[in-house]
Amino acid sequence: MITRFAPSPTGPLHLGHAFSALLAHDMARAADGMFLLRIEDIDQSRARPEWERQIFADLKWLGLDWPKPVMRQSDRLGVYHDALQQLWQRGLLYPCHCTRRDIAAALSAPQEGVDPAIGPDGPVYPGTCRPTGGTSGDLPKDAVLRLNMARVLEVIGSAKLAFAEQGQGPEGQTGTIALSHAEAVQGIGDIVLSRRDMGTSYHLSVVLDDTAQGITHVVRGQDLFEATKIHILLQRLLDLPTPTYHHHRLIRDENGKRLAKRDDARAIARFRDDGATPDDIRRMVGL
């Protein structure tokens, strides 16, 4: 078993991060496997070296260890570009010039009695920029690139899209989780695979990185359960293996709200500075 913890260096790790990292670490060690760390820093506008240093310090304090050097997404932009190039040449991507305001306006007048569908990335894109024919020329630079879901499903054909869930989704989903073609079109739609000035997206990067690191079991929060349906689709398209997934419960505050990085009161470093021990953190998150 090979698991990983993949934080973004955009703020302090909190108790929710501690739970996910500890769980992935414990699962790997219990199976005599390996726990890896990956720094997801594709958003260079928000990533900061000081937050990356604190990630290392927090995880070390918790008693975790991992092979060095760690993988950084900012070192892998060429890999992401090659995958985009492949999808572009297959006619599965198209440039999108819509702003968020444009998309909101297009969705503001849905069919009578039908609300806009909400997918893993928010409202499902209405297809404003989707071409009626094929795309041609070179892969656009510094452009938003969307996946043409209808064409993707033509390529996939009757192949089954599914993943093995060893944990639970938000509604208790477990076992074999399938993605139908109808759900892919209506519930996911033409997702963004490359963001302007970033050259990739979370969805594309994570499936390529998990393959590169040989991850066999993806351990992460239930808030990413629906995104997994995007990931298995990309794995099929790019001929990548599909790991086993283990989505876990989220750590919430006293009001039931999911913790966020801006919630400094529950930052691991704050607890450490206040005299807590790693065992105290484990008890706080129920491990």
Protein backbone atom coordinates (compact mmCIF):
# COMPACT_ATOMS: atom_id res chain seq x y z
CA MET A 1 0.00 0.00 0.00
CA ILE A 2 1.27 3.47 -0.93
CA THR A 3 -0.64 6.46 0.44
CA ARG A 4 0.05 10.18 0.30
CA PHE A 5 -0.78 13.50 1.88
CA ALA A 6 -0.85 16.38 -0.61
CA PRO A 7 -1.31 19.80 1.02
CA SER A 8 -1.11 23.19 -0.68
CA PRO A 9 1.30 25.71 0.91
CA THR A 10 -1.30 28.47 1.03
CA GLY A 11 -1.92 28.64 4.77
CA PRO A 12 -1.45 26.78 8.06
CA LEU A 13 -2.40 23.13 8.44
CA HIS A 14 -5.35 22.65 10.78
CA LEU A 15 -6.89 19.71 12.65
CA GLY A 16 -8.60 18.45 9.48
CA HIS A 17 -5.23 18.21 7.74
CA ALA A 18 -3.78 16.45 10.79
CA PHE A 19 -6.56 13.84 10.67
CA SER A 20 -6.06 13.15 6.96
CA ALA A 21 -2.27 12.96 7.17
CA LEU A 22 -2.29 10.76 10.27
CA LEU A 23 -4.90 8.42 8.79
CA ALA A 24 -2.98 8.02 5.52
CA HIS A 25 0.25 7.48 7.45
CA ASP A 26 -1.31 4.94 9.83
CA MET A 27 -2.97 2.97 7.03
CA ALA A 28 0.29 2.68 5.10
CA ARG A 29 2.32 1.65 8.13
CA ALA A 30 -0.30 -0.92 9.23
CA ALA A 31 0.01 -2.54 5.80
CA ASP A 32 3.83 -2.36 5.88
CA GLY A 33 3.55 0.12 3.02
CA MET A 34 4.77 3.63 2.33
CA PHE A 35 3.49 7.12 3.14
CA LEU A 36 4.45 9.93 0.75
CA LEU A 37 4.23 13.70 0.89
CA ARG A 38 3.44 15.89 -2.12
CA ILE A 39 3.35 19.67 -2.22
CA GLU A 40 0.51 20.89 -4.46
CA ASP A 41 1.77 24.34 -5.36
CA ILE A 42 0.42 24.90 -8.87
CA ASP A 43 -1.26 28.08 -7.66
CA GLN A 44 1.91 30.15 -7.45
CA SER A 45 -0.11 33.30 -6.77
CA ARG A 46 -1.00 31.92 -3.33
CA ALA A 47 1.78 29.44 -2.51
CA ARG A 48 4.38 30.71 -0.05
CA PRO A 49 7.73 29.16 1.01
CA GLU A 50 7.01 29.91 4.66
CA TRP A 51 3.81 27.85 4.55
CA GLU A 52 5.69 24.96 2.94
CA ARG A 53 8.29 25.09 5.72
CA GLN A 54 5.51 25.02 8.30
CA ILE A 55 3.93 21.99 6.62
CA PHE A 56 7.17 20.08 7.10
CA ALA A 57 7.50 21.27 10.70
CA ASP A 58 3.90 20.40 11.61
CA LEU A 59 4.04 16.91 10.10
CA LYS A 60 7.42 16.17 11.69
CA TRP A 61 6.04 17.26 15.05
CA LEU A 62 3.09 14.90 14.59
CA GLY A 63 5.59 12.07 14.23
CA LEU A 64 5.25 11.49 10.48
CA ASP A 65 8.10 10.67 8.14
CA TRP A 66 8.32 10.28 4.37
CA PRO A 67 10.91 9.68 1.62
CA LYS A 68 12.85 12.68 0.33
CA PRO A 69 12.87 14.67 -1.81
CA VAL A 70 9.16 15.41 -1.92
CA MET A 71 7.30 15.88 -5.18
CA ARG A 72 6.32 19.47 -6.00
CA GLN A 73 3.77 20.22 -8.66
CA SER A 74 5.64 23.36 -9.69
CA ASP A 75 8.43 21.06 -10.93
CA ARG A 76 6.03 19.09 -13.15
CA LEU A 77 4.49 21.69 -15.44
CA GLY A 78 6.03 19.98 -18.47
CA VAL A 79 4.25 16.72 -17.59
CA TYR A 80 0.92 18.51 -17.36
CA HIS A 81 1.54 20.30 -20.66
CA ASP A 82 2.27 17.00 -22.42
CA ALA A 83 -1.02 15.53 -21.18
CA LEU A 84 -2.93 18.60 -22.35
CA GLN A 85 -1.19 18.36 -25.72
CA GLN A 86 -2.31 14.76 -26.04
CA LEU A 87 -5.92 15.60 -25.25
CA TRP A 88 -5.86 18.62 -27.58
CA GLN A 89 -4.57 16.55 -30.48
CA ARG A 90 -7.38 14.06 -29.86
CA GLY A 91 -9.94 16.88 -30.16
CA LEU A 92 -11.05 16.56 -26.54
CA LEU A 93 -10.25 20.11 -25.37
CA TYR A 94 -11.41 23.55 -26.41
CA PRO A 95 -10.53 27.10 -25.30
CA CYS A 96 -13.08 28.95 -23.20
CA HIS A 97 -13.29 32.73 -23.03
CA CYS A 98 -16.18 32.99 -20.57
CA THR A 99 -15.81 34.95 -17.37
CA ARG A 100 -17.53 33.84 -14.19
CA ARG A 101 -20.04 36.60 -14.81
CA ASP A 102 -20.72 35.25 -18.31
CA ILE A 103 -21.36 31.79 -16.94
CA ALA A 104 -23.60 33.08 -14.17
CA ALA A 105 -25.61 35.07 -16.71
CA ALA A 106 -26.02 32.04 -18.99
CA LEU A 107 -27.26 29.99 -16.06
CA SER A 108 -29.55 32.67 -14.65
CA ALA A 109 -32.42 31.75 -16.96
CA PRO A 110 -32.69 27.95 -16.73
CA GLN A 111 -35.55 26.00 -18.17
CA GLU A 112 -38.75 26.61 -16.28
CA GLY A 113 -38.79 24.67 -13.04
CA VAL A 114 -35.22 23.37 -13.52
CA ASP A 115 -32.35 24.72 -11.44
CA PRO A 116 -28.79 24.71 -12.84
CA ALA A 117 -26.95 21.48 -12.04
CA ILE A 118 -24.15 21.73 -9.49
CA GLY A 119 -21.09 19.60 -10.14
CA PRO A 120 -17.80 19.00 -8.31
CA ASP A 121 -16.52 22.40 -9.50
CA GLY A 122 -19.75 24.33 -8.97
CA PRO A 123 -22.47 25.08 -11.56
CA VAL A 124 -22.16 22.82 -14.62
CA TYR A 125 -20.81 24.83 -17.55
CA PRO A 126 -23.59 25.69 -20.05
CA GLY A 127 -21.38 25.05 -23.10
CA THR A 128 -21.20 28.63 -24.38
CA CYS A 129 -17.75 28.21 -25.99
CA ARG A 130 -18.11 24.55 -26.94
CA PRO A 131 -17.28 24.19 -30.67
CA THR A 132 -19.66 22.49 -33.02
CA GLY A 133 -16.78 21.10 -35.06
CA GLY A 134 -13.28 19.98 -34.16
CA THR A 135 -10.41 22.11 -32.88
CA SER A 136 -7.27 22.73 -34.92
CA GLY A 137 -3.91 24.42 -34.69
CA ASP A 138 -1.51 24.46 -31.75
CA LEU A 139 -2.45 24.09 -28.12
CA PRO A 140 -3.41 27.61 -26.96
CA LYS A 141 -1.13 29.25 -24.42
CA ASP A 142 -2.36 31.06 -21.31
CA ALA A 143 -5.93 30.02 -22.09
CA VAL A 144 -8.67 28.31 -20.15
CA LEU A 145 -9.08 24.83 -21.66
CA ARG A 146 -12.22 22.78 -21.10
CA LEU A 147 -12.81 19.09 -21.59
CA ASN A 148 -15.47 18.33 -24.20
CA MET A 149 -17.43 15.80 -22.17
CA ALA A 150 -19.67 14.63 -25.01
CA ARG A 151 -16.65 13.75 -27.15
CA VAL A 152 -14.93 12.14 -24.21
CA LEU A 153 -17.85 9.76 -23.78
CA GLU A 154 -17.72 8.92 -27.49
CA VAL A 155 -14.08 7.91 -27.02
CA ILE A 156 -14.79 5.90 -23.88
CA GLY A 157 -17.73 4.16 -25.49
CA SER A 158 -19.30 1.43 -23.41
CA ALA A 159 -16.31 1.08 -21.06
CA LYS A 160 -17.38 1.11 -17.41
CA LEU A 161 -16.33 4.04 -15.26
CA ALA A 162 -16.08 3.12 -11.58
CA PHE A 163 -13.84 3.17 -8.53
CA ALA A 164 -13.53 1.14 -5.34
CA GLU A 165 -14.46 3.12 -2.22
CA GLN A 166 -13.09 1.71 1.03
CA GLY A 167 -14.23 4.64 3.14
CA GLN A 168 -17.52 6.47 2.73
CA GLY A 169 -18.90 9.27 0.65
CA PRO A 170 -20.91 12.13 2.22
CA GLU A 171 -24.10 10.06 2.02
CA GLY A 172 -22.53 6.80 3.13
CA GLN A 173 -21.60 5.61 -0.36
CA THR A 174 -19.13 2.74 -0.29
CA GLY A 175 -18.04 -0.26 -2.34
CA THR A 176 -18.07 0.11 -6.12
CA ILE A 177 -19.02 3.64 -7.17
CA ALA A 178 -20.02 3.95 -10.82
CA LEU A 179 -20.24 7.00 -13.06
CA SER A 180 -22.90 6.85 -15.78
CA HIS A 181 -22.61 8.73 -19.06
CA ALA A 182 -25.68 10.75 -18.17
CA GLU A 183 -24.16 11.85 -14.87
CA ALA A 184 -20.90 12.76 -16.60
CA VAL A 185 -22.73 15.10 -18.99
CA GLN A 186 -25.41 16.48 -16.70
CA GLY A 187 -23.63 16.41 -13.35
CA ILE A 188 -20.04 17.17 -14.33
CA GLY A 189 -20.03 18.74 -17.78
CA ASP A 190 -17.15 20.44 -19.57
CA ILE A 191 -14.75 20.95 -16.68
CA VAL A 192 -11.65 23.16 -16.81
CA LEU A 193 -8.42 21.18 -17.25
CA SER A 194 -6.08 24.14 -17.63
CA ARG A 195 -6.46 27.52 -15.99
CA ARG A 196 -5.07 30.73 -17.44
CA ASP A 197 -1.57 31.56 -16.16
CA MET A 198 -1.40 28.20 -14.37
CA GLY A 199 -0.99 25.73 -17.23
CA THR A 200 -2.95 22.96 -15.52
CA SER A 201 -5.70 22.33 -12.97
CA TYR A 202 -6.13 20.39 -9.76
CA HIS A 203 -7.99 17.57 -11.51
CA LEU A 204 -5.39 17.00 -14.21
CA SER A 205 -2.41 17.36 -11.90
CA VAL A 206 -3.66 15.06 -9.19
CA VAL A 207 -4.26 12.05 -11.46
CA LEU A 208 -0.87 12.45 -13.14
CA ASP A 209 0.90 12.90 -9.83
CA ASP A 210 -0.79 9.93 -8.16
CA THR A 211 0.34 7.74 -11.06
CA ALA A 212 3.89 9.13 -10.97
CA GLN A 213 4.14 8.39 -7.25
CA GLY A 214 2.61 4.92 -7.59
CA ILE A 215 -0.20 5.73 -5.17
CA THR A 216 -2.35 2.65 -4.56
CA HIS A 217 -4.74 4.15 -2.00
CA VAL A 218 -5.91 7.77 -2.07
CA VAL A 219 -6.90 8.88 1.44
CA ARG A 220 -8.73 12.22 1.55
CA GLY A 221 -11.81 14.02 2.85
CA GLN A 222 -15.39 13.44 1.81
CA ASP A 223 -15.46 16.92 0.27
CA LEU A 224 -13.50 15.44 -2.66
CA PHE A 225 -15.74 12.41 -3.16
CA GLU A 226 -17.56 13.86 -6.17
CA ALA A 227 -14.27 15.03 -7.71
CA THR A 228 -13.17 11.39 -7.80
CA LYS A 229 -15.65 10.82 -10.62
CA ILE A 230 -13.70 13.36 -12.69
CA HIS A 231 -10.46 11.65 -11.78
CA ILE A 232 -11.49 8.16 -12.87
CA LEU A 233 -12.66 9.61 -16.17
CA LEU A 234 -9.27 11.28 -16.74
CA GLN A 235 -7.49 8.09 -15.74
CA ARG A 236 -9.43 6.23 -18.41
CA LEU A 237 -8.67 8.87 -21.04
CA LEU A 238 -4.96 9.02 -20.26
CA ASP A 239 -4.56 5.26 -19.76
CA LEU A 240 -3.63 5.63 -16.10
CA PRO A 241 -4.34 3.17 -13.27
CA THR A 242 -7.19 3.89 -10.88
CA PRO A 243 -6.20 3.68 -7.20
CA THR A 244 -8.47 2.51 -4.44
CA TYR A 245 -10.10 5.48 -2.69
CA HIS A 246 -10.75 6.02 1.01
CA HIS A 247 -12.77 9.15 1.70
CA HIS A 248 -12.97 10.02 5.37
CA ARG A 249 -15.15 12.16 7.58
CA LEU A 250 -14.39 15.85 7.88
CA ILE A 251 -13.27 17.56 11.06
CA ARG A 252 -15.74 20.33 11.87
CA ASP A 253 -16.02 23.15 14.38
CA GLU A 254 -18.59 23.38 17.17
CA ASN A 255 -21.13 24.73 14.66
CA GLY A 256 -20.65 21.83 12.27
CA LYS A 257 -18.71 23.89 9.75
CA ARG A 258 -15.79 22.30 7.91
CA LEU A 259 -12.44 23.72 8.98
CA ALA A 260 -10.60 26.03 6.58
CA LYS A 261 -7.04 27.32 6.49
CA ARG A 262 -8.19 30.74 7.61
CA ASP A 263 -9.34 29.13 10.87
CA ASP A 264 -6.06 29.83 12.67
CA ALA A 265 -7.59 28.98 16.04
CA ARG A 266 -7.43 25.29 15.05
CA ALA A 267 -4.05 25.41 13.34
CA ILE A 268 -1.67 22.63 14.33
CA ALA A 269 1.05 25.16 15.12
CA ARG A 270 -1.28 27.00 17.51
CA PHE A 271 -1.97 23.83 19.48
CA ARG A 272 1.74 23.03 19.56
CA ASP A 273 2.58 26.52 20.83
CA ASP A 274 -0.09 26.15 23.52
CA GLY A 275 1.59 23.02 24.86
CA ALA A 276 -0.41 20.24 23.18
CA THR A 277 1.30 16.96 22.32
CA PRO A 278 0.92 14.84 19.18
CA ASP A 279 -1.14 12.39 21.24
CA ASP A 280 -3.45 15.26 22.19
CA ILE A 281 -3.98 15.99 18.48
CA ARG A 282 -4.80 12.35 17.83
CA ARG A 283 -7.40 12.40 20.57
CA MET A 284 -8.90 15.63 19.27
CA VAL A 285 -9.48 14.11 15.82
CA GLY A 286 -10.61 10.71 17.09
CA LEU A 287 -7.60 8.57 16.26
